[in-house]
Structures are given as C-alpha cells and as structure tokens.
N, C-alpha and C. Protein backbone atom coordinates (compact mmCIF):
# COMPACT_ATOMS: atom_id res chain seq x y z
N MET A 1 -29.68 91.54 206.13
CA MET A 1 -30.48 91.59 204.86
C MET A 1 -31.18 89.79 205.34
N LYS A 2 -32.51 90.41 204.93
CA LYS A 2 -33.34 88.97 205.04
C LYS A 2 -33.67 88.33 203.87
N LYS A 3 -32.97 86.88 203.95
CA LYS A 3 -33.12 86.01 202.65
C LYS A 3 -34.63 85.88 202.11
N THR A 4 -34.99 86.16 201.09
CA THR A 4 -36.55 85.86 200.43
C THR A 4 -36.65 84.07 199.68
N ILE A 5 -37.60 84.26 199.52
CA ILE A 5 -37.58 82.45 198.77
C ILE A 5 -37.16 82.76 197.87
N GLU A 6 -37.22 83.79 197.37
CA GLU A 6 -37.28 84.02 195.63
C GLU A 6 -35.05 83.67 195.72
N ASN A 7 -34.90 84.07 196.47
CA ASN A 7 -33.30 83.80 196.96
C ASN A 7 -32.44 82.76 196.72
N ILE A 8 -33.66 81.76 197.60
CA ILE A 8 -33.18 80.17 197.77
C ILE A 8 -32.87 79.77 196.45
N SER A 9 -32.10 78.78 195.81
CA SER A 9 -32.08 78.27 194.63
C SER A 9 -31.41 76.74 195.74
N TYR A 10 -32.20 75.86 194.86
CA TYR A 10 -32.58 74.29 195.13
C TYR A 10 -31.71 73.56 194.35
N ARG A 11 -31.08 72.62 194.96
CA ARG A 11 -30.84 71.59 194.01
C ARG A 11 -32.32 70.73 193.24
N LYS A 12 -31.70 70.65 191.94
CA LYS A 12 -32.84 69.68 190.97
C LYS A 12 -33.51 68.73 191.66
N SER A 13 -32.81 67.79 192.41
CA SER A 13 -33.41 66.74 193.23
C SER A 13 -33.91 66.99 194.40
N THR A 14 -34.06 68.22 194.94
CA THR A 14 -34.70 68.79 196.05
C THR A 14 -36.34 69.40 195.58
N GLU A 15 -36.53 69.80 194.48
CA GLU A 15 -37.56 70.32 193.25
C GLU A 15 -38.17 68.87 193.52
N GLU A 16 -37.26 68.06 192.39
CA GLU A 16 -38.31 66.92 192.27
C GLU A 16 -38.99 66.38 193.23
N LEU A 17 -38.30 65.97 194.47
CA LEU A 17 -38.86 65.60 195.87
C LEU A 17 -39.92 66.28 196.52
N ALA A 18 -39.96 67.97 196.36
CA ALA A 18 -41.09 68.14 196.65
C ALA A 18 -42.70 68.36 195.33
N GLY A 19 -42.16 67.96 194.18
CA GLY A 19 -43.24 67.67 193.38
C GLY A 19 -43.83 65.97 193.91
N LEU A 20 -43.04 65.21 194.06
CA LEU A 20 -43.33 63.80 194.07
C LEU A 20 -44.32 64.02 195.51
N ALA A 21 -43.97 64.39 196.60
CA ALA A 21 -44.40 64.87 197.88
C ALA A 21 -46.39 65.54 197.64
N LYS A 22 -45.44 66.65 196.72
CA LYS A 22 -47.29 67.33 196.40
C LYS A 22 -47.86 65.60 195.66
N ALA A 23 -47.32 64.98 194.55
CA ALA A 23 -48.37 64.70 194.50
C ALA A 23 -49.09 62.98 194.90
N LEU A 24 -48.28 63.37 196.09
CA LEU A 24 -48.45 61.90 196.95
C LEU A 24 -49.29 62.68 198.37
N GLY A 25 -49.87 63.58 197.93
CA GLY A 25 -50.37 64.62 199.03
C GLY A 25 -51.65 64.26 199.35
N HIS A 26 -52.29 63.47 198.84
CA HIS A 26 -53.33 62.87 198.82
C HIS A 26 -53.94 61.25 199.37
N PRO A 27 -54.58 61.26 199.98
CA PRO A 27 -54.64 59.36 200.32
C PRO A 27 -54.88 58.69 199.26
N THR A 28 -55.98 58.87 198.47
CA THR A 28 -56.54 58.50 197.72
C THR A 28 -54.83 58.22 196.64
N ARG A 29 -54.30 59.08 195.78
CA ARG A 29 -53.03 58.49 195.41
C ARG A 29 -52.30 57.54 196.06
N ILE A 30 -52.46 58.03 197.14
CA ILE A 30 -51.04 56.83 197.93
C ILE A 30 -51.66 55.05 197.89
N ALA A 31 -53.28 55.10 197.88
CA ALA A 31 -54.03 54.09 197.87
C ALA A 31 -53.83 53.50 196.57
N ILE A 32 -53.99 54.40 195.18
CA ILE A 32 -53.76 54.13 194.19
C ILE A 32 -52.67 53.65 193.74
N LEU A 33 -51.69 53.97 193.73
CA LEU A 33 -50.25 53.75 193.79
C LEU A 33 -50.38 52.16 194.41
N LYS A 34 -50.79 51.95 195.80
CA LYS A 34 -50.13 50.59 196.91
C LYS A 34 -51.19 49.90 195.96
N HIS A 35 -52.51 50.01 195.36
CA HIS A 35 -53.14 49.28 194.28
C HIS A 35 -52.40 48.65 193.13
N LEU A 36 -51.62 49.73 192.56
CA LEU A 36 -51.22 49.72 191.24
C LEU A 36 -49.74 48.56 192.11
N GLU A 37 -49.00 49.20 192.46
CA GLU A 37 -47.95 47.79 192.83
C GLU A 37 -48.10 46.30 193.14
N ASN A 38 -49.22 45.83 193.12
CA ASN A 38 -49.77 44.56 193.10
C ASN A 38 -50.57 44.45 191.84
N GLN A 39 -50.78 45.11 190.61
CA GLN A 39 -50.93 44.91 189.85
C GLN A 39 -49.84 44.77 188.62
N SER A 40 -49.89 44.21 187.62
CA SER A 40 -48.91 44.57 186.27
C SER A 40 -49.76 45.44 185.71
N CYS A 41 -50.73 45.84 186.03
CA CYS A 41 -51.69 46.88 185.07
C CYS A 41 -52.91 47.15 185.75
N CYS A 42 -53.88 48.34 185.25
CA CYS A 42 -55.21 47.99 185.71
C CYS A 42 -55.63 49.53 184.53
N PHE A 43 -56.80 49.11 184.38
CA PHE A 43 -57.92 50.35 184.02
C PHE A 43 -58.58 51.22 184.60
N THR A 44 -58.63 52.49 184.45
CA THR A 44 -59.45 52.89 185.26
C THR A 44 -60.97 52.50 185.73
N GLY A 45 -61.57 52.07 184.53
CA GLY A 45 -62.74 51.31 185.26
C GLY A 45 -62.36 50.06 186.41
N ASP A 46 -61.34 49.39 186.39
CA ASP A 46 -61.36 48.69 187.54
C ASP A 46 -60.89 49.60 188.66
N LEU A 47 -60.10 50.65 188.80
CA LEU A 47 -60.06 51.47 190.04
C LEU A 47 -61.30 51.72 190.50
N VAL A 48 -62.15 52.58 189.53
CA VAL A 48 -63.44 52.39 190.20
C VAL A 48 -64.02 51.86 190.76
N ASP A 49 -63.87 50.49 190.25
CA ASP A 49 -64.15 49.24 190.89
C ASP A 49 -63.92 49.08 192.50
N VAL A 50 -62.59 49.46 192.58
CA VAL A 50 -62.34 48.87 194.22
C VAL A 50 -62.14 50.55 194.77
N PHE A 51 -61.98 51.68 194.26
CA PHE A 51 -62.51 52.84 195.20
C PHE A 51 -63.95 53.55 195.28
N PRO A 52 -64.27 53.46 196.37
CA PRO A 52 -65.78 54.34 196.28
C PRO A 52 -65.51 55.80 195.79
N LEU A 53 -65.26 56.03 194.40
CA LEU A 53 -64.95 57.77 193.97
C LEU A 53 -65.76 57.36 192.50
N ALA A 54 -66.02 58.38 192.02
CA ALA A 54 -66.14 58.90 190.81
C ALA A 54 -65.18 58.74 189.52
N GLN A 55 -65.55 58.00 188.53
CA GLN A 55 -64.55 58.24 187.22
C GLN A 55 -63.82 59.23 187.50
N SER A 56 -64.28 60.11 187.25
CA SER A 56 -64.10 61.84 186.87
C SER A 56 -62.66 61.88 187.73
N THR A 57 -63.75 61.34 189.29
CA THR A 57 -62.35 62.19 190.69
C THR A 57 -61.27 60.98 190.27
N ILE A 58 -61.47 59.74 190.10
CA ILE A 58 -60.23 58.54 190.12
C ILE A 58 -59.22 59.24 188.98
N SER A 59 -60.05 60.07 187.52
CA SER A 59 -58.97 60.18 186.27
C SER A 59 -58.38 61.65 187.18
N GLN A 60 -58.66 62.08 187.91
CA GLN A 60 -57.99 63.47 188.44
C GLN A 60 -56.83 62.86 188.82
N HIS A 61 -56.75 62.28 189.84
CA HIS A 61 -55.72 61.38 190.77
C HIS A 61 -55.04 60.30 189.86
N LEU A 62 -55.20 60.45 188.43
CA LEU A 62 -54.78 59.25 187.39
C LEU A 62 -53.68 60.16 186.83
N LYS A 63 -54.47 61.63 186.50
CA LYS A 63 -53.40 62.65 186.09
C LYS A 63 -52.29 63.27 186.80
N GLU A 64 -52.43 63.39 188.01
CA GLU A 64 -51.86 64.52 188.64
C GLU A 64 -50.54 63.18 189.14
N LEU A 65 -50.68 61.52 189.28
CA LEU A 65 -49.84 60.81 189.60
C LEU A 65 -48.94 60.75 187.92
N LYS A 66 -49.98 60.80 187.54
CA LYS A 66 -48.92 60.84 185.67
C LYS A 66 -48.28 61.97 185.56
N ASN A 67 -48.53 62.96 185.73
CA ASN A 67 -47.76 64.52 185.84
C ASN A 67 -46.73 64.41 186.47
N ALA A 68 -46.53 63.83 187.79
CA ALA A 68 -45.02 63.55 188.47
C ALA A 68 -44.43 62.71 187.77
N GLY A 69 -45.17 61.86 187.18
CA GLY A 69 -43.74 60.59 186.61
C GLY A 69 -44.38 59.11 187.22
N LEU A 70 -45.21 59.65 188.31
CA LEU A 70 -44.94 57.85 189.04
C LEU A 70 -45.95 56.43 188.01
N ILE A 71 -46.74 57.30 187.38
CA ILE A 71 -47.39 56.09 186.66
C ILE A 71 -47.49 56.37 185.12
N GLN A 72 -47.50 55.68 184.28
CA GLN A 72 -47.58 55.75 182.93
C GLN A 72 -48.59 55.35 182.52
N GLY A 73 -49.30 55.88 181.54
CA GLY A 73 -50.99 55.01 180.79
C GLY A 73 -50.23 55.06 179.11
N GLU A 74 -50.93 53.63 179.14
CA GLU A 74 -51.08 53.25 177.91
C GLU A 74 -52.40 53.48 176.95
N LEU A 75 -52.53 53.69 175.87
CA LEU A 75 -54.04 54.30 175.52
C LEU A 75 -54.05 52.85 174.99
N LYS A 76 -55.43 52.23 175.20
CA LYS A 76 -56.06 50.91 174.82
C LYS A 76 -57.31 51.21 174.54
N PRO A 77 -58.02 51.98 173.16
CA PRO A 77 -58.89 52.68 172.74
C PRO A 77 -60.17 51.43 172.82
N PRO A 78 -61.04 51.99 174.24
CA PRO A 78 -61.33 52.89 174.58
C PRO A 78 -61.23 52.96 175.51
N LYS A 79 -59.93 52.60 176.35
CA LYS A 79 -59.40 52.67 177.55
C LYS A 79 -57.86 52.84 177.47
N ILE A 80 -57.51 53.53 178.79
CA ILE A 80 -56.00 53.93 179.14
C ILE A 80 -55.52 52.48 180.35
N LYS A 81 -54.41 52.28 180.27
CA LYS A 81 -54.40 51.38 181.05
C LYS A 81 -53.00 51.44 181.57
N TYR A 82 -53.09 51.62 182.99
CA TYR A 82 -52.36 52.32 183.63
C TYR A 82 -51.03 51.46 184.75
N CYS A 83 -49.87 51.87 184.65
CA CYS A 83 -49.47 50.89 185.14
C CYS A 83 -48.12 51.85 186.49
N ILE A 84 -47.04 51.24 187.54
CA ILE A 84 -46.15 51.80 187.83
C ILE A 84 -45.25 51.84 186.71
N HIS A 85 -44.71 53.55 186.71
CA HIS A 85 -43.37 53.90 186.59
C HIS A 85 -41.83 53.54 187.05
N GLN A 86 -41.97 52.34 186.29
CA GLN A 86 -40.45 51.66 187.45
C GLN A 86 -38.99 52.97 187.62
N GLU A 87 -38.96 52.85 186.40
CA GLU A 87 -37.66 53.98 186.89
C GLU A 87 -38.35 55.36 187.42
N ASN A 88 -39.34 55.73 187.30
CA ASN A 88 -39.52 56.76 188.39
C ASN A 88 -39.43 56.41 189.40
N TRP A 89 -40.79 55.68 189.44
CA TRP A 89 -41.39 54.91 191.43
C TRP A 89 -39.45 54.56 191.93
N ASN A 90 -38.54 54.04 190.92
CA ASN A 90 -37.13 54.07 192.21
C ASN A 90 -36.23 55.10 192.15
N LYS A 91 -36.45 55.92 191.46
CA LYS A 91 -35.94 57.60 191.56
C LYS A 91 -36.51 58.44 192.79
N ALA A 92 -37.66 57.45 192.86
CA ALA A 92 -39.22 58.42 193.82
C ALA A 92 -38.41 57.60 195.37
N LYS A 93 -38.38 56.72 195.10
CA LYS A 93 -37.96 56.00 196.41
C LYS A 93 -36.39 56.45 196.71
N LEU A 94 -35.60 56.42 196.31
CA LEU A 94 -34.08 56.98 196.29
C LEU A 94 -33.88 58.46 196.68
N LEU A 95 -34.73 59.24 196.44
CA LEU A 95 -35.13 60.85 197.47
C LEU A 95 -35.31 60.82 198.61
N PHE A 96 -36.60 59.74 198.17
CA PHE A 96 -37.51 59.99 200.05
C PHE A 96 -36.27 59.09 201.04
N GLU A 97 -35.50 58.27 200.37
CA GLU A 97 -34.96 57.51 201.58
C GLU A 97 -33.68 58.73 201.79
N GLU A 98 -33.37 59.24 200.76
CA GLU A 98 -32.09 60.93 200.89
C GLU A 98 -32.56 61.66 202.53
N LEU A 99 -34.02 61.76 201.86
CA LEU A 99 -34.85 62.75 202.88
C LEU A 99 -34.06 61.97 204.67
N PHE A 100 -35.17 60.64 204.22
CA PHE A 100 -35.30 60.48 205.91
C PHE A 100 -34.18 60.00 206.40
N ASN A 101 -33.01 59.78 205.37
CA ASN A 101 -31.64 59.46 205.80
C ASN A 101 -30.64 60.08 206.08
N SER A 102 -30.91 61.52 206.04
CA SER A 102 -29.83 62.82 205.99
C SER A 102 -29.75 62.85 207.45
N GLN A 103 -29.88 62.19 208.60
CA GLN A 103 -29.98 62.31 209.72
C GLN A 103 -28.44 63.36 210.16
N SER A 104 -27.39 62.95 209.51
CA SER A 104 -26.24 63.39 209.97
C SER A 104 -25.90 64.91 209.56
N SER A 105 -27.11 65.29 208.48
CA SER A 105 -26.62 66.58 208.06
C SER A 105 -27.43 67.26 209.00
N ILE A 106 -28.67 67.06 209.67
CA ILE A 106 -29.41 67.57 210.44
C ILE A 106 -29.29 68.02 211.84
N LYS A 107 -28.97 68.67 212.73
CA LYS A 107 -29.25 68.52 213.56
C LYS A 107 -29.79 68.57 214.66
N ILE A 108 -30.17 66.89 215.54
CA ILE A 108 -31.30 67.22 216.21
C ILE A 108 -31.31 67.52 217.37
N GLU A 109 -32.01 68.48 217.95
CA GLU A 109 -31.73 68.85 219.38
C GLU A 109 -33.23 68.45 219.67
N LYS A 110 -33.42 68.73 221.19
CA LYS A 110 -34.74 68.03 221.81
C LYS A 110 -35.42 69.98 221.65
N CYS A 111 -36.76 69.74 221.01
CA CYS A 111 -37.46 71.50 221.22
C CYS A 111 -38.24 71.20 222.58
N GLY A 112 -38.16 72.54 222.92
CA GLY A 112 -39.08 72.67 223.93
C GLY A 112 -38.41 72.88 225.12
C-alpha cells in the first residue's frame, strides 16, 4: 500500500519550518530581512529608497514576512514601522539550525 501525502502527519515544528522557508523563498524578502537586522526599525518608504522596487511590491513582501511572523509592524499613521520580531526570529534560527544539524538522523551516502 502506497503512502500518500494525506497520510503523513508532520510535527508542528516541521510545518513551521516549511512556512518560514516559503516566506524566505524570494531574494527580496531575504534582502529586506538583512536590512532590518541592521536597523532598529524601518518604514516602508525607507525600504523603497533602498530597493529598486515599487512601494506596492515592497508592501507585498512585507506582508508575507509579517504573515510568517518574522517581522512585526506598528502603525504610526500614516506609516507602518517594521522591525524584526525577535522572538520568532530566534525560533526560526533554531528550526533551521535543527534542520541543518540533523545529519546524525540522515544517512548520507554517495549518490550515483
């Protein structure tokens, strides 16, 4: 009997990691995070000055990062101030660290 994806149950951390990986799946989002890491906070307009993209494009990337919990936004009318969500950022680091340091549970063989 073949197992299908519907029959596989994942640990919560695996699902969280997949969501983070999806949010990080665009180079602009990674660049935004790197920029925010070096700032205490930043407004959307500041990012438009840094990246050669339309404000709507920057806003869409910020939305994806916020939905993933990697950044947080604080309304400062008429602007939104963004910064790294430190607690979630540290959790993301741990999840990726677990993935990349799990060699002991993965049998590594020469392929080919």
